[in-house]
Amino acid sequence: DKFIKIRNLNRKKIINELDKSNKIRDKITIIKENDGVKASWFGIPIILSRKINKKLFIKKIENKGIETRPIISGNFLKQPSIKKYNLKTNSKMKNADYINNFGFFIGLPTKIISTLIIKKLVKVFEQSV
């Protein structure tokens, strides 16, 4: 499908530019697809380093026009809607909590993004860490 190809192209270009940045390379982790999997990406899942305040980082990039979304696979037990189900657990959800506390998505448009826009995105990330 055309949209999937464009999103995957945009994803590849954005990740390549983010990887080039010495200022943010060690402060973010981009979730990659498993070998042999051909994903249909609608966004880029990003995990911030523990050194970065997620709320402040998100606020800064959103103020510059970059929309974000939570990573849905974070700790579901911390989602407001879970109160309806009265679920309880005694186990620690360390990894889910980490994703919940430091992870977010940026969206991938279905139109090809220019190199100029991608470089602006990287600059916003650099200024926000």
Protein backbone atom coordinates (compact mmCIF):
# COMPACT_ATOMS: atom_id res chain seq x y z
CA ASP A 1 0.00 0.00 0.00
CA LYS A 2 1.28 3.48 -0.90
CA PHE A 3 0.75 4.96 2.59
CA ILE A 4 2.75 2.18 4.25
CA LYS A 5 5.67 2.67 1.83
CA ILE A 6 5.71 6.43 2.43
CA ARG A 7 5.50 6.06 6.22
CA ASN A 8 8.32 3.51 6.21
CA LEU A 9 10.43 5.82 4.03
CA ASN A 10 9.74 8.78 6.35
CA ARG A 11 10.58 6.61 9.37
CA LYS A 12 13.89 5.53 7.88
CA LYS A 13 14.85 9.12 7.00
CA ILE A 14 13.93 10.47 10.46
CA ILE A 15 15.78 7.69 12.30
CA ASN A 16 18.89 8.20 10.12
CA GLU A 17 18.95 11.92 10.97
CA LEU A 18 18.32 11.34 14.68
CA ASP A 19 21.14 8.75 14.74
CA LYS A 20 23.55 11.33 13.27
CA SER A 21 23.02 13.74 16.17
CA ASN A 22 25.74 13.45 18.81
CA LYS A 23 23.65 15.59 21.16
CA ILE A 24 20.70 13.17 21.35
CA ARG A 25 22.09 9.80 20.27
CA ASP A 26 22.72 8.63 23.85
CA LYS A 27 19.55 10.23 25.24
CA ILE A 28 16.91 8.43 23.15
CA THR A 29 16.29 4.88 22.03
CA ILE A 30 14.18 4.23 18.97
CA ILE A 31 12.27 0.98 19.00
CA LYS A 32 13.23 -1.06 15.96
CA GLU A 33 11.29 -3.87 14.32
CA ASN A 34 12.38 -7.46 14.87
CA ASP A 35 14.32 -9.23 12.14
CA GLY A 36 12.03 -10.81 9.57
CA VAL A 37 9.12 -8.55 10.51
CA LYS A 38 7.74 -6.12 7.98
CA ALA A 39 5.92 -3.61 10.18
CA SER A 40 3.41 -1.02 9.08
CA TRP A 41 4.54 1.94 11.18
CA PHE A 42 2.14 4.76 12.05
CA GLY A 43 4.63 6.39 14.38
CA ILE A 44 8.13 6.19 15.81
CA PRO A 45 8.22 4.83 19.37
CA ILE A 46 10.94 6.61 21.34
CA ILE A 47 12.25 5.83 24.82
CA LEU A 48 14.04 8.65 26.64
CA SER A 49 17.05 8.16 28.85
CA ARG A 50 16.41 8.29 32.60
CA LYS A 51 18.36 11.58 32.53
CA ILE A 52 15.56 13.30 30.59
CA ASN A 53 12.41 14.66 32.20
CA LYS A 54 9.73 13.25 29.88
CA LYS A 55 7.02 15.79 30.75
CA LEU A 56 9.37 18.72 30.14
CA PHE A 57 10.77 17.19 26.94
CA ILE A 58 7.27 16.50 25.56
CA LYS A 59 6.13 20.01 26.49
CA LYS A 60 9.11 21.55 24.67
CA ILE A 61 8.70 19.57 21.46
CA GLU A 62 4.92 19.98 21.41
CA ASN A 63 5.35 23.75 21.84
CA LYS A 64 7.44 23.58 18.64
CA GLY A 65 4.67 21.77 16.76
CA ILE A 66 5.71 18.13 17.12
CA GLU A 67 2.73 16.05 18.15
CA THR A 68 3.21 13.10 20.50
CA ARG A 69 1.18 10.16 21.74
CA PRO A 70 1.74 7.77 24.65
CA ILE A 71 3.06 4.29 23.96
CA ILE A 72 -0.01 2.19 24.58
CA SER A 73 1.97 -0.79 25.82
CA GLY A 74 3.11 1.12 28.88
CA ASN A 75 1.79 -0.01 32.25
CA PHE A 76 -1.97 -0.46 31.67
CA LEU A 77 -2.48 -0.55 35.42
CA LYS A 78 -1.61 3.16 35.48
CA GLN A 79 -4.14 4.17 32.82
CA PRO A 80 -7.15 6.10 34.17
CA SER A 81 -9.63 3.77 32.43
CA ILE A 82 -8.36 0.75 34.36
CA LYS A 83 -10.20 2.01 37.48
CA LYS A 84 -13.43 0.77 35.88
CA TYR A 85 -12.16 -2.82 36.08
CA ASN A 86 -10.86 -2.78 39.68
CA LEU A 87 -7.78 -4.82 38.71
CA LYS A 88 -5.04 -5.34 41.28
CA THR A 89 -1.65 -7.02 41.10
CA ASN A 90 1.05 -7.74 43.65
CA SER A 91 3.83 -7.95 41.08
CA LYS A 92 6.05 -5.07 40.03
CA MET A 93 5.76 -4.03 36.40
CA LYS A 94 9.28 -2.60 36.13
CA ASN A 95 9.63 -2.71 32.33
CA ALA A 96 6.06 -1.55 31.71
CA ASP A 97 6.63 1.31 34.17
CA TYR A 98 9.83 2.30 32.35
CA ILE A 99 7.99 2.44 29.00
CA ASN A 100 5.16 4.34 30.66
CA ASN A 101 7.52 6.85 32.31
CA PHE A 102 9.98 7.44 29.46
CA GLY A 103 8.25 6.38 26.22
CA PHE A 104 6.19 8.21 23.60
CA PHE A 105 5.40 8.19 19.88
CA ILE A 106 5.81 10.78 17.18
CA GLY A 107 3.54 10.28 14.20
CA LEU A 108 4.50 9.44 10.64
CA PRO A 109 2.66 11.32 7.92
CA THR A 110 1.39 9.66 4.77
CA LYS A 111 3.11 12.27 2.59
CA ILE A 112 6.85 12.35 1.96
CA ILE A 113 8.64 14.62 4.46
CA SER A 114 11.35 16.93 3.13
CA THR A 115 14.89 16.73 4.45
CA LEU A 116 14.49 20.32 5.70
CA ILE A 117 11.52 19.34 7.91
CA ILE A 118 13.40 16.32 9.26
CA LYS A 119 16.44 18.47 10.11
CA LYS A 120 14.11 20.90 11.94
CA LEU A 121 12.66 17.99 13.92
CA VAL A 122 16.16 16.87 14.94
CA LYS A 123 17.05 20.44 15.94
CA VAL A 124 13.93 20.65 18.13
CA PHE A 125 14.91 17.37 19.81
CA GLU A 126 18.46 18.66 20.36
CA GLN A 127 17.17 21.88 21.92
CA SER A 128 14.77 19.97 24.16
CA VAL A 129 17.09 17.46 25.84
